[in-house]
Amino acid sequence: CQGGRVGRARRGLCQHRQHFGIRRCVRRRRGARSDCALARGKIAAGKLLQAFAAGAKVISIDGNFDDALEIVRELGAGGGGVEIVNSINPHRIAGQATAAHEIIADLGDAPDVLALPVGNAGNISAYWRGFTDAVRIGSTKRRPRMAGFQAAGAAPFVSGAPIANPETVA
């Protein structure tokens, strides 16, 4: 599972608003079910369709990304065969770093520049780790210049402070 492992859990649970997060939510090992808690009206239709198409149970909540994360934390805290597979999963960075290796395999080398969405900077950190690992093992000789972008309604790095009620449709 890219971005977090489900391990022996019978069910993977996440909340997300970005394409990679939805894919991570619905990728599951054989026999495991995936559920996604998503903020109603805060996700693009194509991303929502990805979850449904992969057979995930979608839990629509009133609120924003942070509200959905709180629900996921509460549901995952009880154990019971549920593994949280998003940014709070300790295996997320290592799992998502594999995407850098996929890019190198597809392009034959690291790109000159890679631009990524940045929420809490896990994405860009994971890709950097993957490119750094690829240099170390000789898959590429360089790391790309990386640029991170934040949505106007949820840009704590840009504003220099946490956003109390982040609002985006992503």
N, C-alpha and C. Protein backbone atom coordinates (compact mmCIF):
# COMPACT_ATOMS: atom_id res chain seq x y z
N CYS A 1 0.85 -1.17 0.00
CA CYS A 1 0.00 0.00 0.00
C CYS A 1 0.90 1.24 0.00
N GLN A 2 0.88 2.02 -1.03
CA GLN A 2 1.71 3.22 -1.08
C GLN A 2 1.29 4.17 0.03
N GLY A 3 2.25 4.63 0.78
CA GLY A 3 1.96 5.63 1.79
C GLY A 3 1.62 5.08 3.14
N GLY A 4 1.49 3.84 3.29
CA GLY A 4 1.21 3.26 4.60
C GLY A 4 0.85 1.81 4.41
N ARG A 5 1.22 1.00 5.36
CA ARG A 5 0.93 -0.42 5.19
C ARG A 5 -0.31 -0.80 5.96
N VAL A 6 -1.04 -1.73 5.43
CA VAL A 6 -2.20 -2.24 6.11
C VAL A 6 -1.78 -3.40 7.00
N GLY A 7 -0.68 -4.09 6.64
CA GLY A 7 -0.19 -5.17 7.47
C GLY A 7 -1.24 -6.26 7.63
N ARG A 8 -1.50 -6.66 8.86
CA ARG A 8 -2.48 -7.72 9.11
C ARG A 8 -3.88 -7.17 9.36
N ALA A 9 -4.04 -5.87 9.27
CA ALA A 9 -5.35 -5.28 9.51
C ALA A 9 -6.36 -5.78 8.50
N ARG A 10 -7.58 -5.94 8.94
CA ARG A 10 -8.66 -6.36 8.04
C ARG A 10 -9.25 -5.18 7.30
N ARG A 11 -8.95 -3.99 7.75
CA ARG A 11 -9.56 -2.80 7.17
C ARG A 11 -8.58 -1.64 7.21
N GLY A 12 -8.48 -0.92 6.10
CA GLY A 12 -7.69 0.31 6.05
C GLY A 12 -8.63 1.50 6.10
N LEU A 13 -8.25 2.55 6.81
CA LEU A 13 -9.10 3.72 6.98
C LEU A 13 -8.27 4.97 6.77
N CYS A 14 -8.78 5.91 5.96
CA CYS A 14 -8.08 7.16 5.77
C CYS A 14 -9.06 8.28 5.54
N GLN A 15 -8.54 9.48 5.56
CA GLN A 15 -9.27 10.66 5.12
C GLN A 15 -8.31 11.41 4.23
N HIS A 16 -8.79 11.88 3.10
CA HIS A 16 -7.89 12.59 2.19
C HIS A 16 -8.63 13.43 1.20
N ARG A 17 -7.92 14.37 0.59
CA ARG A 17 -8.51 15.23 -0.44
C ARG A 17 -7.67 15.25 -1.70
N GLN A 18 -6.55 14.55 -1.71
CA GLN A 18 -5.67 14.59 -2.87
C GLN A 18 -5.67 13.24 -3.57
N HIS A 19 -5.32 13.23 -4.86
CA HIS A 19 -5.34 12.00 -5.64
C HIS A 19 -4.55 10.89 -4.98
N PHE A 20 -3.30 11.16 -4.56
CA PHE A 20 -2.50 10.08 -3.99
C PHE A 20 -3.12 9.56 -2.72
N GLY A 21 -3.76 10.41 -1.96
CA GLY A 21 -4.41 9.97 -0.72
C GLY A 21 -5.58 9.06 -0.98
N ILE A 22 -6.37 9.38 -1.98
CA ILE A 22 -7.50 8.53 -2.33
C ILE A 22 -6.98 7.19 -2.83
N ARG A 23 -5.95 7.20 -3.68
CA ARG A 23 -5.38 5.94 -4.16
C ARG A 23 -4.86 5.12 -3.00
N ARG A 24 -4.18 5.77 -2.07
CA ARG A 24 -3.62 5.07 -0.92
C ARG A 24 -4.75 4.47 -0.09
N CYS A 25 -5.82 5.19 0.04
CA CYS A 25 -6.96 4.71 0.82
C CYS A 25 -7.55 3.45 0.20
N VAL A 26 -7.66 3.40 -1.10
CA VAL A 26 -8.35 2.28 -1.72
C VAL A 26 -7.43 1.12 -2.09
N ARG A 27 -6.12 1.33 -2.08
CA ARG A 27 -5.21 0.20 -2.31
C ARG A 27 -5.24 -0.65 -1.05
N ARG A 28 -5.47 -1.89 -1.24
CA ARG A 28 -5.56 -2.74 -0.07
C ARG A 28 -5.08 -4.13 -0.41
N ARG A 29 -4.64 -4.82 0.61
CA ARG A 29 -4.22 -6.20 0.37
C ARG A 29 -5.45 -7.07 0.22
N ARG A 30 -5.28 -8.22 -0.36
CA ARG A 30 -6.39 -9.13 -0.60
C ARG A 30 -7.12 -9.42 0.72
N GLY A 31 -8.42 -9.28 0.71
CA GLY A 31 -9.22 -9.58 1.87
C GLY A 31 -9.42 -8.42 2.83
N ALA A 32 -8.74 -7.29 2.62
CA ALA A 32 -8.91 -6.13 3.50
C ALA A 32 -9.86 -5.15 2.85
N ARG A 33 -10.67 -4.49 3.65
CA ARG A 33 -11.60 -3.48 3.15
C ARG A 33 -11.00 -2.10 3.39
N SER A 34 -11.29 -1.17 2.51
CA SER A 34 -10.82 0.20 2.68
C SER A 34 -12.00 1.13 2.85
N ASP A 35 -11.90 2.04 3.79
CA ASP A 35 -12.90 3.06 4.02
C ASP A 35 -12.23 4.42 3.94
N CYS A 36 -12.95 5.40 3.41
CA CYS A 36 -12.44 6.77 3.33
C CYS A 36 -13.43 7.70 4.00
N ALA A 37 -12.97 8.50 4.96
CA ALA A 37 -13.80 9.54 5.55
C ALA A 37 -13.46 10.83 4.83
N LEU A 38 -14.44 11.42 4.16
CA LEU A 38 -14.20 12.59 3.34
C LEU A 38 -15.16 13.71 3.72
N ALA A 39 -14.66 14.93 3.70
CA ALA A 39 -15.49 16.10 4.01
C ALA A 39 -16.45 16.36 2.85
N ARG A 40 -17.74 16.35 3.13
CA ARG A 40 -18.79 16.56 2.12
C ARG A 40 -18.57 17.90 1.41
N GLY A 41 -18.54 17.86 0.08
CA GLY A 41 -18.40 19.08 -0.71
C GLY A 41 -17.00 19.64 -0.78
N LYS A 42 -16.02 18.95 -0.19
CA LYS A 42 -14.65 19.46 -0.15
C LYS A 42 -13.70 18.62 -0.99
N ILE A 43 -14.25 17.80 -1.86
CA ILE A 43 -13.41 16.94 -2.69
C ILE A 43 -13.96 16.95 -4.11
N ALA A 44 -13.05 16.99 -5.07
CA ALA A 44 -13.45 16.99 -6.48
C ALA A 44 -14.12 15.67 -6.83
N ALA A 45 -15.07 15.73 -7.74
CA ALA A 45 -15.87 14.56 -8.12
C ALA A 45 -15.00 13.42 -8.63
N GLY A 46 -13.97 13.72 -9.41
CA GLY A 46 -13.10 12.67 -9.94
C GLY A 46 -12.38 11.89 -8.85
N LYS A 47 -12.01 12.58 -7.80
CA LYS A 47 -11.32 11.91 -6.70
C LYS A 47 -12.29 11.03 -5.91
N LEU A 48 -13.50 11.52 -5.74
CA LEU A 48 -14.51 10.74 -5.07
C LEU A 48 -14.82 9.48 -5.88
N LEU A 49 -14.88 9.62 -7.19
CA LEU A 49 -15.15 8.49 -8.06
C LEU A 49 -14.05 7.43 -7.93
N GLN A 50 -12.79 7.84 -7.76
CA GLN A 50 -11.70 6.87 -7.58
C GLN A 50 -11.98 5.95 -6.41
N ALA A 51 -12.43 6.52 -5.30
CA ALA A 51 -12.70 5.72 -4.11
C ALA A 51 -13.84 4.74 -4.37
N PHE A 52 -14.95 5.23 -4.96
CA PHE A 52 -16.09 4.36 -5.25
C PHE A 52 -15.70 3.26 -6.25
N ALA A 53 -14.95 3.63 -7.28
CA ALA A 53 -14.58 2.66 -8.32
C ALA A 53 -13.72 1.53 -7.76
N ALA A 54 -12.95 1.82 -6.74
CA ALA A 54 -12.09 0.80 -6.14
C ALA A 54 -12.80 0.00 -5.05
N GLY A 55 -14.06 0.32 -4.81
CA GLY A 55 -14.83 -0.45 -3.85
C GLY A 55 -14.73 0.02 -2.41
N ALA A 56 -14.17 1.19 -2.19
CA ALA A 56 -14.07 1.70 -0.82
C ALA A 56 -15.42 2.14 -0.31
N LYS A 57 -15.63 1.99 0.97
CA LYS A 57 -16.81 2.55 1.61
C LYS A 57 -16.46 4.00 1.93
N VAL A 58 -17.25 4.93 1.41
CA VAL A 58 -16.98 6.35 1.60
C VAL A 58 -17.90 6.88 2.70
N ILE A 59 -17.31 7.48 3.70
CA ILE A 59 -18.04 8.05 4.81
C ILE A 59 -18.00 9.56 4.63
N SER A 60 -19.13 10.16 4.32
CA SER A 60 -19.21 11.60 4.08
C SER A 60 -19.52 12.30 5.40
N ILE A 61 -18.70 13.28 5.74
CA ILE A 61 -18.89 13.99 7.01
C ILE A 61 -19.10 15.48 6.75
N ASP A 62 -19.81 16.11 7.64
CA ASP A 62 -19.95 17.57 7.60
C ASP A 62 -18.72 18.13 8.30
N GLY A 63 -18.00 18.99 7.62
CA GLY A 63 -16.79 19.56 8.19
C GLY A 63 -15.70 19.62 7.16
N ASN A 64 -14.47 19.83 7.62
CA ASN A 64 -13.33 19.95 6.71
C ASN A 64 -12.37 18.77 6.88
N PHE A 65 -11.23 18.87 6.23
CA PHE A 65 -10.19 17.84 6.26
C PHE A 65 -9.81 17.50 7.69
N ASP A 66 -9.61 18.50 8.53
CA ASP A 66 -9.19 18.27 9.92
C ASP A 66 -10.28 17.55 10.71
N ASP A 67 -11.54 17.87 10.44
CA ASP A 67 -12.65 17.18 11.10
C ASP A 67 -12.66 15.70 10.71
N ALA A 68 -12.45 15.43 9.42
CA ALA A 68 -12.40 14.04 8.95
C ALA A 68 -11.23 13.31 9.59
N LEU A 69 -10.09 13.98 9.72
CA LEU A 69 -8.92 13.36 10.35
C LEU A 69 -9.22 13.00 11.80
N GLU A 70 -9.91 13.86 12.51
CA GLU A 70 -10.26 13.58 13.91
C GLU A 70 -11.13 12.33 14.01
N ILE A 71 -12.08 12.19 13.10
CA ILE A 71 -12.94 11.00 13.09
C ILE A 71 -12.11 9.75 12.81
N VAL A 72 -11.20 9.85 11.84
CA VAL A 72 -10.34 8.71 11.50
C VAL A 72 -9.47 8.34 12.70
N ARG A 73 -8.92 9.33 13.39
CA ARG A 73 -8.11 9.05 14.58
C ARG A 73 -8.93 8.30 15.63
N GLU A 74 -10.16 8.75 15.86
CA GLU A 74 -11.02 8.11 16.86
C GLU A 74 -11.34 6.67 16.46
N LEU A 75 -11.70 6.46 15.20
CA LEU A 75 -12.03 5.11 14.74
C LEU A 75 -10.81 4.19 14.77
N GLY A 76 -9.64 4.72 14.42
CA GLY A 76 -8.43 3.91 14.39
C GLY A 76 -7.86 3.63 15.76
N ALA A 77 -8.17 4.47 16.75
CA ALA A 77 -7.61 4.30 18.09
C ALA A 77 -8.10 3.03 18.77
N GLY A 78 -9.26 2.55 18.37
CA GLY A 78 -9.82 1.38 19.02
C GLY A 78 -9.23 0.07 18.57
N GLY A 79 -8.34 0.09 17.57
CA GLY A 79 -7.77 -1.16 17.09
C GLY A 79 -8.81 -1.93 16.30
N GLY A 80 -9.08 -3.14 16.71
CA GLY A 80 -10.11 -3.95 16.07
C GLY A 80 -9.84 -4.25 14.62
N GLY A 81 -8.58 -4.38 14.25
CA GLY A 81 -8.25 -4.72 12.87
C GLY A 81 -8.29 -3.56 11.91
N VAL A 82 -8.31 -2.32 12.42
CA VAL A 82 -8.32 -1.13 11.57
C VAL A 82 -6.94 -0.49 11.59
N GLU A 83 -6.41 -0.21 10.40
CA GLU A 83 -5.12 0.47 10.27
C GLU A 83 -5.33 1.79 9.56
N ILE A 84 -4.89 2.87 10.15
CA ILE A 84 -4.99 4.19 9.52
C ILE A 84 -3.89 4.28 8.47
N VAL A 85 -4.26 4.60 7.23
CA VAL A 85 -3.29 4.56 6.13
C VAL A 85 -3.12 5.92 5.47
N ASN A 86 -3.06 6.97 6.27
CA ASN A 86 -2.79 8.28 5.68
C ASN A 86 -1.61 8.93 6.39
N SER A 87 -1.57 10.25 6.42
CA SER A 87 -0.38 10.97 6.86
C SER A 87 0.03 10.71 8.29
N ILE A 88 -0.83 10.17 9.13
CA ILE A 88 -0.43 9.90 10.51
C ILE A 88 0.10 8.48 10.68
N ASN A 89 0.10 7.69 9.63
CA ASN A 89 0.66 6.34 9.68
C ASN A 89 2.19 6.45 9.70
N PRO A 90 2.87 5.80 10.65
CA PRO A 90 4.32 5.94 10.73
C PRO A 90 5.08 5.39 9.53
N HIS A 91 4.43 4.60 8.70
CA HIS A 91 5.08 4.02 7.51
C HIS A 91 4.80 4.84 6.26
N ARG A 92 4.08 5.93 6.39
CA ARG A 92 3.64 6.71 5.24
C ARG A 92 4.80 7.22 4.40
N ILE A 93 5.80 7.85 5.02
CA ILE A 93 6.90 8.46 4.26
C ILE A 93 7.66 7.38 3.48
N ALA A 94 7.99 6.28 4.15
CA ALA A 94 8.71 5.19 3.47
C ALA A 94 7.89 4.62 2.33
N GLY A 95 6.60 4.44 2.55
CA GLY A 95 5.75 3.90 1.50
C GLY A 95 5.62 4.83 0.31
N GLN A 96 5.42 6.10 0.60
CA GLN A 96 5.24 7.06 -0.48
C GLN A 96 6.55 7.37 -1.20
N ALA A 97 7.68 7.15 -0.55
CA ALA A 97 8.98 7.37 -1.19
C ALA A 97 9.16 6.49 -2.42
N THR A 98 8.44 5.37 -2.46
CA THR A 98 8.55 4.48 -3.62
C THR A 98 8.10 5.15 -4.91
N ALA A 99 7.28 6.19 -4.80
CA ALA A 99 6.82 6.91 -5.99
C ALA A 99 8.00 7.55 -6.73
N ALA A 100 9.01 8.01 -6.01
CA ALA A 100 10.20 8.58 -6.67
C ALA A 100 10.90 7.53 -7.52
N HIS A 101 10.97 6.31 -7.01
CA HIS A 101 11.59 5.22 -7.78
C HIS A 101 10.77 4.90 -9.02
N GLU A 102 9.46 4.97 -8.91
CA GLU A 102 8.58 4.75 -10.07
C GLU A 102 8.80 5.82 -11.13
N ILE A 103 8.96 7.06 -10.70
CA ILE A 103 9.22 8.16 -11.65
C ILE A 103 10.53 7.90 -12.38
N ILE A 104 11.58 7.54 -11.66
CA ILE A 104 12.87 7.26 -12.28
C ILE A 104 12.76 6.10 -13.25
N ALA A 105 12.03 5.05 -12.87
CA ALA A 105 11.86 3.90 -13.76
C ALA A 105 11.12 4.30 -15.03
N ASP A 106 10.11 5.13 -14.90
CA ASP A 106 9.33 5.56 -16.07
C ASP A 106 10.10 6.50 -16.98
N LEU A 107 10.84 7.44 -16.39
CA LEU A 107 11.56 8.46 -17.18
C LEU A 107 12.97 8.05 -17.56
N GLY A 108 13.52 7.07 -16.86
CA GLY A 108 14.91 6.68 -17.09
C GLY A 108 15.89 7.48 -16.26
N ASP A 109 15.42 8.49 -15.55
CA ASP A 109 16.25 9.34 -14.69
C ASP A 109 15.32 10.21 -13.86
N ALA A 110 15.87 10.88 -12.88
CA ALA A 110 15.08 11.84 -12.11
C ALA A 110 14.76 13.04 -13.00
N PRO A 111 13.58 13.62 -12.85
CA PRO A 111 13.26 14.81 -13.65
C PRO A 111 14.09 16.00 -13.18
N ASP A 112 14.14 17.03 -13.99
CA ASP A 112 14.85 18.26 -13.59
C ASP A 112 14.12 18.94 -12.44
N VAL A 113 12.78 18.98 -12.53
CA VAL A 113 11.95 19.66 -11.53
C VAL A 113 10.75 18.77 -11.23
N LEU A 114 10.34 18.74 -9.98
CA LEU A 114 9.13 18.06 -9.58
C LEU A 114 8.32 19.00 -8.69
N ALA A 115 7.09 19.30 -9.09
CA ALA A 115 6.20 20.17 -8.32
C ALA A 115 5.12 19.31 -7.68
N LEU A 116 4.89 19.54 -6.40
CA LEU A 116 3.93 18.73 -5.64
C LEU A 116 3.05 19.60 -4.76
N PRO A 117 1.83 19.13 -4.48
CA PRO A 117 1.01 19.83 -3.49
C PRO A 117 1.62 19.61 -2.11
N VAL A 118 1.53 20.59 -1.26
CA VAL A 118 2.09 20.48 0.09
C VAL A 118 0.99 20.85 1.09
N GLY A 119 0.65 19.91 1.93
CA GLY A 119 -0.24 20.18 3.05
C GLY A 119 0.62 20.31 4.29
N ASN A 120 1.00 19.15 4.83
CA ASN A 120 1.90 19.13 6.00
C ASN A 120 3.33 18.80 5.59
N ALA A 121 3.60 18.76 4.31
CA ALA A 121 4.92 18.51 3.70
C ALA A 121 5.34 17.06 3.72
N GLY A 122 4.43 16.16 4.03
CA GLY A 122 4.75 14.74 3.97
C GLY A 122 5.03 14.29 2.55
N ASN A 123 4.27 14.79 1.58
CA ASN A 123 4.46 14.40 0.18
C ASN A 123 5.86 14.74 -0.29
N ILE A 124 6.22 15.97 -0.14
CA ILE A 124 7.50 16.43 -0.68
C ILE A 124 8.66 15.78 0.09
N SER A 125 8.46 15.54 1.38
CA SER A 125 9.48 14.85 2.18
C SER A 125 9.67 13.42 1.70
N ALA A 126 8.56 12.75 1.41
CA ALA A 126 8.63 11.37 0.96
C ALA A 126 9.31 11.26 -0.40
N TYR A 127 8.95 12.12 -1.32
CA TYR A 127 9.58 12.09 -2.64
C TYR A 127 11.07 12.40 -2.53
N TRP A 128 11.43 13.38 -1.70
CA TRP A 128 12.84 13.71 -1.51
C TRP A 128 13.59 12.50 -0.97
N ARG A 129 12.99 11.82 0.01
CA ARG A 129 13.61 10.62 0.55
C ARG A 129 13.81 9.58 -0.55
N GLY A 130 12.79 9.38 -1.38
CA GLY A 130 12.90 8.41 -2.46
C GLY A 130 13.99 8.76 -3.45
N PHE A 131 14.08 10.03 -3.85
CA PHE A 131 15.15 10.43 -4.77
C PHE A 131 16.52 10.32 -4.12
N THR A 132 16.60 10.65 -2.85
CA THR A 132 17.87 10.52 -2.12
C THR A 132 18.30 9.06 -2.05
N ASP A 133 17.37 8.17 -1.76
CA ASP A 133 17.66 6.73 -1.75
C ASP A 133 18.10 6.26 -3.13
N ALA A 134 17.45 6.77 -4.17
CA ALA A 134 17.78 6.37 -5.54
C ALA A 134 19.21 6.79 -5.92
N VAL A 135 19.62 7.98 -5.47
CA VAL A 135 21.01 8.42 -5.71
C VAL A 135 21.96 7.47 -4.98
N ARG A 136 21.63 7.14 -3.73
CA ARG A 136 22.49 6.28 -2.91
C ARG A 136 22.68 4.91 -3.55
N ILE A 137 21.62 4.33 -4.13
CA ILE A 137 21.73 2.99 -4.71
C ILE A 137 22.14 3.01 -6.19
N GLY A 138 22.28 4.21 -6.75
CA GLY A 138 22.76 4.33 -8.12
C GLY A 138 21.70 4.29 -9.21
N SER A 139 20.43 4.41 -8.85
CA SER A 139 19.37 4.43 -9.87
C SER A 139 19.36 5.73 -10.66
N THR A 140 19.88 6.78 -10.06
CA THR A 140 20.00 8.09 -10.70
C THR A 140 21.21 8.78 -10.11
N LYS A 141 21.70 9.78 -10.81
CA LYS A 141 22.86 10.52 -10.31
C LYS A 141 22.47 11.83 -9.64
N ARG A 142 21.18 12.19 -9.71
CA ARG A 142 20.77 13.49 -9.17
C ARG A 142 19.37 13.45 -8.59
N ARG A 143 19.11 14.40 -7.75
CA ARG A 143 17.77 14.65 -7.24
C ARG A 143 17.20 15.84 -7.99
N PRO A 144 15.88 15.86 -8.20
CA PRO A 144 15.30 17.00 -8.91
C PRO A 144 15.21 18.23 -8.02
N ARG A 145 15.10 19.39 -8.64
CA ARG A 145 14.71 20.58 -7.90
C ARG A 145 13.23 20.39 -7.59
N MET A 146 12.85 20.59 -6.34
CA MET A 146 11.47 20.31 -5.95
C MET A 146 10.78 21.60 -5.53
N ALA A 147 9.52 21.73 -5.93
CA ALA A 147 8.72 22.91 -5.59
C ALA A 147 7.42 22.42 -4.96
N GLY A 148 7.07 23.03 -3.86
CA GLY A 148 5.82 22.69 -3.19
C GLY A 148 4.83 23.84 -3.28
N PHE A 149 3.56 23.50 -3.45
CA PHE A 149 2.52 24.51 -3.59
C PHE A 149 1.39 24.20 -2.62
N GLN A 150 0.84 25.27 -2.03
CA GLN A 150 -0.27 25.12 -1.10
C GLN A 150 -1.51 25.84 -1.62
N ALA A 151 -2.67 25.27 -1.34
CA ALA A 151 -3.93 25.88 -1.72
C ALA A 151 -4.15 27.15 -0.90
N ALA A 152 -4.75 28.15 -1.50
CA ALA A 152 -4.94 29.45 -0.85
C ALA A 152 -5.67 29.33 0.48
N GLY A 153 -6.66 28.45 0.58
CA GLY A 153 -7.44 28.35 1.81
C GLY A 153 -6.85 27.47 2.88
N ALA A 154 -5.67 26.89 2.61
CA ALA A 154 -5.04 25.99 3.57
C ALA A 154 -3.52 26.04 3.38
N ALA A 155 -2.94 27.18 3.66
CA ALA A 155 -1.52 27.38 3.38
C ALA A 155 -0.74 27.82 4.62
N PRO A 156 -0.55 26.92 5.59
CA PRO A 156 0.15 27.32 6.81
C PRO A 156 1.62 27.69 6.59
N PHE A 157 2.29 27.06 5.64
CA PHE A 157 3.69 27.42 5.39
C PHE A 157 3.79 28.79 4.74
N VAL A 158 2.86 29.08 3.85
CA VAL A 158 2.86 30.38 3.18
C VAL A 158 2.53 31.49 4.17
N SER A 159 1.51 31.25 5.01
CA SER A 159 1.09 32.29 5.96
C SER A 159 1.97 32.35 7.20
N GLY A 160 2.72 31.29 7.46
CA GLY A 160 3.60 31.26 8.63
C GLY A 160 2.87 30.92 9.92
N ALA A 161 1.65 30.40 9.82
CA ALA A 161 0.89 30.05 11.01
C ALA A 161 -0.13 28.97 10.65
N PRO A 162 -0.54 28.19 11.66
CA PRO A 162 -1.59 27.19 11.39
C PRO A 162 -2.87 27.87 10.90
N ILE A 163 -3.61 27.18 10.07
CA ILE A 163 -4.89 27.67 9.57
C ILE A 163 -5.99 27.02 10.42
N ALA A 164 -6.72 27.82 11.16
CA ALA A 164 -7.72 27.30 12.10
C ALA A 164 -8.82 26.50 11.39
N ASN A 165 -9.32 26.99 10.28
CA ASN A 165 -10.39 26.31 9.55
C ASN A 165 -10.03 26.25 8.08
N PRO A 166 -9.11 25.33 7.72
CA PRO A 166 -8.68 25.26 6.32
C PRO A 166 -9.85 24.91 5.41
N GLU A 167 -9.95 25.62 4.29
CA GLU A 167 -11.02 25.39 3.33
C GLU A 167 -10.47 25.32 1.92
N THR A 168 -10.62 24.16 1.32
CA THR A 168 -10.25 23.98 -0.09
C THR A 168 -11.20 22.95 -0.69
N VAL A 169 -11.30 22.94 -1.99
CA VAL A 169 -11.94 21.85 -2.70
C VAL A 169 -10.85 21.29 -3.58
N ALA A 170 -10.37 20.13 -3.20
CA ALA A 170 -9.23 19.54 -3.91
C ALA A 170 -9.58 18.19 -4.46
